[in-house]
Every structure is written in C-alpha cells, then in structure tokens.
Amino acid sequence: MTIIDIPAGWPADEATARAVQRELRGRLVLDEPGPAAGTGHVTGLDVAYDDERDLVAAAAVVLDARTLDVVEEATAVGRVSFPYVPGLLAFREIPTVLAALGSLTAAPGLLVCDGYGVAHPRRFGLASHLGVLTGLPSIGVAKNPFTFTHDRPGPARGDASPLLADGEEVGRALRTQADVKPVYVSVGHRVSLETACAHTLHLAPRFRIPETTRRADALCRRALKAALDAEA
C-alpha cells in the first residue's frame, strides 16, 4: 500500500495557508451556470481520518448523473497534511483527494464535496479550493451548518432558505426530503447556486445525503480500514 506523502512546499502554518487561500480565491469563477443536473458525470469526494496514525483516506466515486449508477471508483491514503484549524480544513486532505482524483480514468465532471465552497469565512472552502486546483465545476453539500444564519426552510422536498453572511447569500439550507433536516449547499467553482441546488436534489432521490457523498463516505471508510489493517 502506497502512502501519499505531504507535498514539498505544502503550507505548514496558518499564515501561509491563509495566504494561499487569498491567492487562489482570486481565480474563482462564479459567473458560469455549470452543467445541468442529470447530465454527464458527477464525482463524490469524501475523506476518513485516523488521527492516531496520522492517516487520511480519500475516495472519489464517479456516477452517471442521469442514472446514478457507479462509473468508476478510486481511493488514496496519505499523511494528514495540516493541523486541525477551522476554516483551513482543506489543507488537511487535498493532497490525498487529488491523488484519488488523479487515479480515475473516467472524466470526473462535476465535483460534489462533503463540505463548503464560498459559504466559508474567507469565501474559499474545500469545494472552491478543489475546483480552482482542478479547473472542474464543483459544489459543496455539507451535513452540518457552519457559522452562517438561516431561516428554517419549509417542510417539503426542495424547500430552501438562504445561508447569510453579513446580509450576503453564500449558500442555501436545502430540504432534500420532506420533514428531514436540510443539507447546506454552496457554490464551489464554475457553477451557479441554482444549479448546485438542482444537482443536490437530483442526487438525493431517497435519502437526505446525496448519493455521491453516501457512496464516497462508505468507500473512504473501507479504504482507511484496509490501510490500518495493512499497518497492523
């Protein structure tokens, strides 16, 4: 089993990481509608950690956006590449996520991240970071609210309310199933918020969490277990 090393020159402290965020944020593209829901490929990305052994496992699962059938799966295991700092979590996992993405032979299409995009204190969360680095359209679909305020969305599937930061809409709390807790959708890169919400609903026909995330979550947990078993 190959363990992905931390790349040379990777930020090692908060000041450096924030400087990288500021530089990359200038490359964000926020005026494209993005691919229509139900077309092309969509790729779910997720990670699992073992902090005791300083390991992170990443999974990339490509789905046919129309049928939600799995097209291809890939995993990678690496060293945790940054300390835990709220607002800088992308720096802990991106090298390993990029390694998983790089193992794919199918075109990833839209990236669907278990996290945030522009709904971030510096408007540059994981989905935005990965979108800029890969050039691919990306969205963030988070399970839990971050630091933003929102009204409770209506009870029906598809009901939504804005995530607000200083009066600015940076995402939406979106009800993917009736009377079930919402998910938190934000733009990553090269996608509109309307398109991001349309994709999220299409990817969650039966459960609260999109199929992209459900499948990537299960896969990265299996990859981490296999890595830990190999090291035992």
Protein backbone atom coordinates (compact mmCIF):
# COMPACT_ATOMS: atom_id res chain seq x y z
CA MET A 1 0.00 0.00 0.00
CA THR A 2 1.39 3.40 -1.02
CA ILE A 3 1.03 6.26 1.45
CA ILE A 4 0.85 9.69 -0.20
CA ASP A 5 3.49 11.98 1.26
CA ILE A 6 2.83 15.62 2.10
CA PRO A 7 3.93 17.59 -0.99
CA ALA A 8 7.10 19.63 -0.80
CA GLY A 9 6.32 23.23 -0.01
CA TRP A 10 2.84 22.45 1.36
CA PRO A 11 1.72 25.14 3.87
CA ALA A 12 2.72 24.24 7.41
CA ASP A 13 1.23 27.14 9.39
CA GLU A 14 -1.92 29.25 9.44
CA ALA A 15 -0.39 32.39 7.98
CA THR A 16 0.96 30.57 4.94
CA ALA A 17 -2.27 28.65 4.39
CA ARG A 18 -4.35 31.83 4.56
CA ALA A 19 -2.04 33.48 2.03
CA VAL A 20 -2.57 30.54 -0.33
CA GLN A 21 -6.33 30.82 0.15
CA ARG A 22 -6.25 34.51 -0.74
CA GLU A 23 -4.18 33.88 -3.87
CA LEU A 24 -6.33 31.00 -5.11
CA ARG A 25 -9.59 32.79 -4.29
CA GLY A 26 -8.71 35.33 -6.96
CA ARG A 27 -9.04 32.55 -9.55
CA LEU A 28 -12.62 31.61 -8.60
CA VAL A 29 -15.15 31.64 -11.45
CA LEU A 30 -18.62 32.41 -10.12
CA ASP A 31 -20.43 33.58 -13.25
CA GLU A 32 -20.94 30.24 -15.05
CA PRO A 33 -24.19 28.25 -14.72
CA GLY A 34 -22.39 24.91 -14.72
CA PRO A 35 -23.55 21.58 -16.15
CA ALA A 36 -27.27 20.86 -15.95
CA ALA A 37 -28.47 18.43 -13.29
CA GLY A 38 -28.83 14.89 -14.57
CA THR A 39 -26.23 15.24 -17.34
CA GLY A 40 -22.69 13.94 -17.73
CA HIS A 41 -20.72 12.64 -14.76
CA VAL A 42 -20.75 13.70 -11.13
CA THR A 43 -18.00 12.71 -8.72
CA GLY A 44 -18.47 12.41 -4.98
CA LEU A 45 -15.47 13.15 -2.77
CA ASP A 46 -15.05 12.32 0.90
CA VAL A 47 -12.33 11.50 3.42
CA ALA A 48 -11.91 9.47 6.59
CA TYR A 49 -9.24 10.12 9.24
CA ASP A 50 -7.23 8.18 11.75
CA ASP A 51 -5.54 10.94 13.73
CA GLU A 52 -3.69 8.47 15.97
CA ARG A 53 -1.74 7.16 12.99
CA ASP A 54 -1.82 10.48 11.11
CA LEU A 55 -3.62 8.95 8.12
CA VAL A 56 -6.36 10.22 5.84
CA ALA A 57 -8.14 8.09 3.22
CA ALA A 58 -9.84 9.80 0.28
CA ALA A 59 -12.44 8.40 -2.09
CA ALA A 60 -13.62 9.61 -5.48
CA VAL A 61 -16.76 7.95 -6.85
CA VAL A 62 -17.88 8.80 -10.39
CA LEU A 63 -21.59 8.41 -11.07
CA ASP A 64 -23.59 8.67 -14.26
CA ALA A 65 -25.57 11.79 -13.41
CA ARG A 66 -28.73 10.56 -15.12
CA THR A 67 -28.98 7.05 -13.67
CA LEU A 68 -26.78 7.49 -10.54
CA ASP A 69 -25.02 4.25 -11.44
CA VAL A 70 -21.35 3.97 -10.45
CA VAL A 71 -18.98 4.51 -13.39
CA GLU A 72 -15.66 4.28 -11.53
CA GLU A 73 -14.19 4.43 -8.04
CA ALA A 74 -10.74 5.38 -6.78
CA THR A 75 -9.09 5.78 -3.38
CA ALA A 76 -5.82 7.08 -1.97
CA VAL A 77 -4.30 7.09 1.51
CA GLY A 78 -1.94 9.79 2.72
CA ARG A 79 -0.48 11.53 5.70
CA VAL A 80 -2.62 14.26 7.28
CA SER A 81 -1.06 17.34 5.73
CA PHE A 82 -2.06 20.15 8.11
CA PRO A 83 -3.16 20.64 11.75
CA TYR A 84 -6.86 20.91 12.55
CA VAL A 85 -7.74 24.60 12.16
CA PRO A 86 -11.35 25.66 11.48
CA GLY A 87 -11.55 27.39 8.12
CA LEU A 88 -8.39 25.65 6.86
CA LEU A 89 -9.62 22.06 6.78
CA ALA A 90 -8.97 21.75 3.04
CA PHE A 91 -5.24 21.81 3.70
CA ARG A 92 -5.53 18.59 5.75
CA GLU A 93 -6.83 16.46 2.91
CA ILE A 94 -6.37 18.00 -0.55
CA PRO A 95 -3.14 16.15 -1.49
CA THR A 96 -4.83 12.80 -0.84
CA VAL A 97 -8.08 13.83 -2.54
CA LEU A 98 -6.12 14.96 -5.61
CA ALA A 99 -4.32 11.61 -5.65
CA ALA A 100 -7.67 9.78 -5.68
CA LEU A 101 -8.97 12.02 -8.46
CA GLY A 102 -5.78 11.51 -10.41
CA SER A 103 -6.30 7.74 -10.35
CA LEU A 104 -9.57 7.97 -12.27
CA THR A 105 -9.72 7.12 -15.95
CA ALA A 106 -13.25 8.49 -16.42
CA ALA A 107 -13.86 12.24 -16.70
CA PRO A 108 -14.99 13.40 -13.23
CA GLY A 109 -17.47 16.01 -14.46
CA LEU A 110 -18.95 17.95 -11.54
CA LEU A 111 -17.19 17.55 -8.18
CA VAL A 112 -19.52 17.17 -5.19
CA CYS A 113 -17.67 17.77 -1.91
CA ASP A 114 -18.77 16.90 1.60
CA GLY A 115 -18.16 20.44 2.83
CA TYR A 116 -18.46 24.07 1.82
CA GLY A 117 -17.48 26.26 -1.09
CA VAL A 118 -18.00 30.02 -0.86
CA ALA A 119 -20.01 29.53 2.34
CA HIS A 120 -16.79 29.97 4.27
CA PRO A 121 -15.40 32.79 6.45
CA ARG A 122 -12.99 33.74 3.65
CA ARG A 123 -15.32 32.54 0.85
CA PHE A 124 -12.97 29.72 -0.09
CA GLY A 125 -13.82 26.35 1.39
CA LEU A 126 -12.90 22.86 0.21
CA ALA A 127 -15.22 22.81 -2.83
CA SER A 128 -13.84 26.12 -4.09
CA HIS A 129 -10.24 25.08 -3.40
CA LEU A 130 -10.59 21.81 -5.30
CA GLY A 131 -12.48 23.47 -8.13
CA VAL A 132 -9.75 26.04 -8.68
CA LEU A 133 -6.93 23.46 -8.45
CA THR A 134 -8.58 21.06 -10.91
CA GLY A 135 -10.41 23.58 -13.11
CA LEU A 136 -13.57 21.47 -12.71
CA PRO A 137 -17.03 22.71 -11.74
CA SER A 138 -17.63 21.98 -8.06
CA ILE A 139 -20.20 22.33 -5.32
CA GLY A 140 -20.23 21.82 -1.57
CA VAL A 141 -23.01 19.89 0.16
CA ALA A 142 -22.42 19.90 3.92
CA LYS A 143 -24.25 17.84 6.52
CA ASN A 144 -23.99 20.45 9.27
CA PRO A 145 -24.29 24.25 9.40
CA PHE A 146 -21.13 26.31 9.70
CA THR A 147 -21.08 29.88 11.00
CA PHE A 148 -23.93 31.32 8.93
CA THR A 149 -27.51 32.20 9.84
CA HIS A 150 -30.57 30.94 8.01
CA ASP A 151 -34.31 30.66 8.46
CA ARG A 152 -35.78 27.19 8.72
CA PRO A 153 -36.79 26.07 5.21
CA GLY A 154 -40.32 24.84 4.58
CA PRO A 155 -41.09 21.16 5.23
CA ALA A 156 -41.34 19.96 1.62
CA ARG A 157 -38.60 18.44 -0.51
CA GLY A 158 -36.96 21.29 -2.43
CA ASP A 159 -37.79 23.99 0.13
CA ALA A 160 -34.78 26.18 0.86
CA SER A 161 -33.67 29.26 2.76
CA PRO A 162 -30.58 31.43 2.22
CA LEU A 163 -27.38 31.00 4.22
CA LEU A 164 -26.49 34.58 5.09
CA ALA A 165 -23.15 36.19 5.94
CA ASP A 166 -23.41 39.93 6.62
CA GLY A 167 -26.58 40.01 4.55
CA GLU A 168 -24.99 38.20 1.59
CA GLU A 169 -26.39 34.88 0.36
CA VAL A 170 -23.48 32.44 0.37
CA GLY A 171 -25.47 29.21 0.09
CA ARG A 172 -28.77 27.60 0.94
CA ALA A 173 -30.21 25.29 3.55
CA LEU A 174 -31.99 22.82 1.27
CA ARG A 175 -34.57 20.21 2.24
CA THR A 176 -33.79 17.10 0.18
CA GLN A 177 -36.52 15.00 1.81
CA ALA A 178 -39.81 16.10 3.32
CA ASP A 179 -39.68 16.83 7.06
CA VAL A 180 -35.99 15.83 7.24
CA LYS A 181 -33.12 18.04 8.40
CA PRO A 182 -31.74 20.13 5.49
CA VAL A 183 -28.31 19.94 3.90
CA TYR A 184 -26.20 23.05 3.30
CA VAL A 185 -25.38 23.78 -0.33
CA SER A 186 -22.86 26.29 -1.64
CA VAL A 187 -21.12 27.07 -4.89
CA GLY A 188 -17.56 25.84 -5.29
CA HIS A 189 -16.34 26.89 -8.74
CA ARG A 190 -17.90 27.38 -12.20
CA VAL A 191 -21.46 26.61 -11.04
CA SER A 192 -24.41 28.80 -10.04
CA LEU A 193 -26.22 28.34 -6.75
CA GLU A 194 -29.42 27.41 -8.58
CA THR A 195 -27.56 24.69 -10.47
CA ALA A 196 -25.86 23.49 -7.28
CA CYS A 197 -29.25 23.06 -5.58
CA ALA A 198 -30.72 21.32 -8.65
CA HIS A 199 -27.84 18.83 -8.64
CA THR A 200 -28.22 18.22 -4.91
CA LEU A 201 -31.91 17.40 -5.26
CA HIS A 202 -31.31 15.14 -8.24
CA LEU A 203 -28.56 13.30 -6.36
CA ALA A 204 -30.76 12.71 -3.30
CA PRO A 205 -33.84 10.86 -4.60
CA ARG A 206 -34.32 8.72 -1.48
CA PHE A 207 -32.09 9.92 1.32
CA ARG A 208 -31.10 13.22 2.91
CA ILE A 209 -27.46 12.95 1.76
CA PRO A 210 -26.63 12.88 -1.98
CA GLU A 211 -25.70 9.51 -3.44
CA THR A 212 -22.29 10.92 -4.39
CA THR A 213 -21.47 11.57 -0.74
CA ARG A 214 -23.09 8.38 0.56
CA ARG A 215 -21.00 6.23 -1.76
CA ALA A 216 -17.76 8.17 -1.27
CA ASP A 217 -18.21 8.07 2.52
CA ALA A 218 -18.58 4.29 2.54
CA LEU A 219 -15.63 3.84 0.18
CA CYS A 220 -13.17 6.04 2.06
CA ARG A 221 -14.03 4.28 5.33
CA ARG A 222 -13.27 0.92 3.72
CA ALA A 223 -10.00 2.29 2.32
CA LEU A 224 -8.95 3.60 5.73
CA LYS A 225 -9.75 0.27 7.39
CA ALA A 226 -7.69 -1.56 4.78
CA ALA A 227 -4.78 0.83 5.34
CA LEU A 228 -4.93 0.38 9.10
CA ASP A 229 -5.14 -3.39 8.76
CA ALA A 230 -2.10 -3.33 6.48
CA GLU A 231 -0.13 -1.34 9.05
CA ALA A 232 -1.15 -3.58 11.97
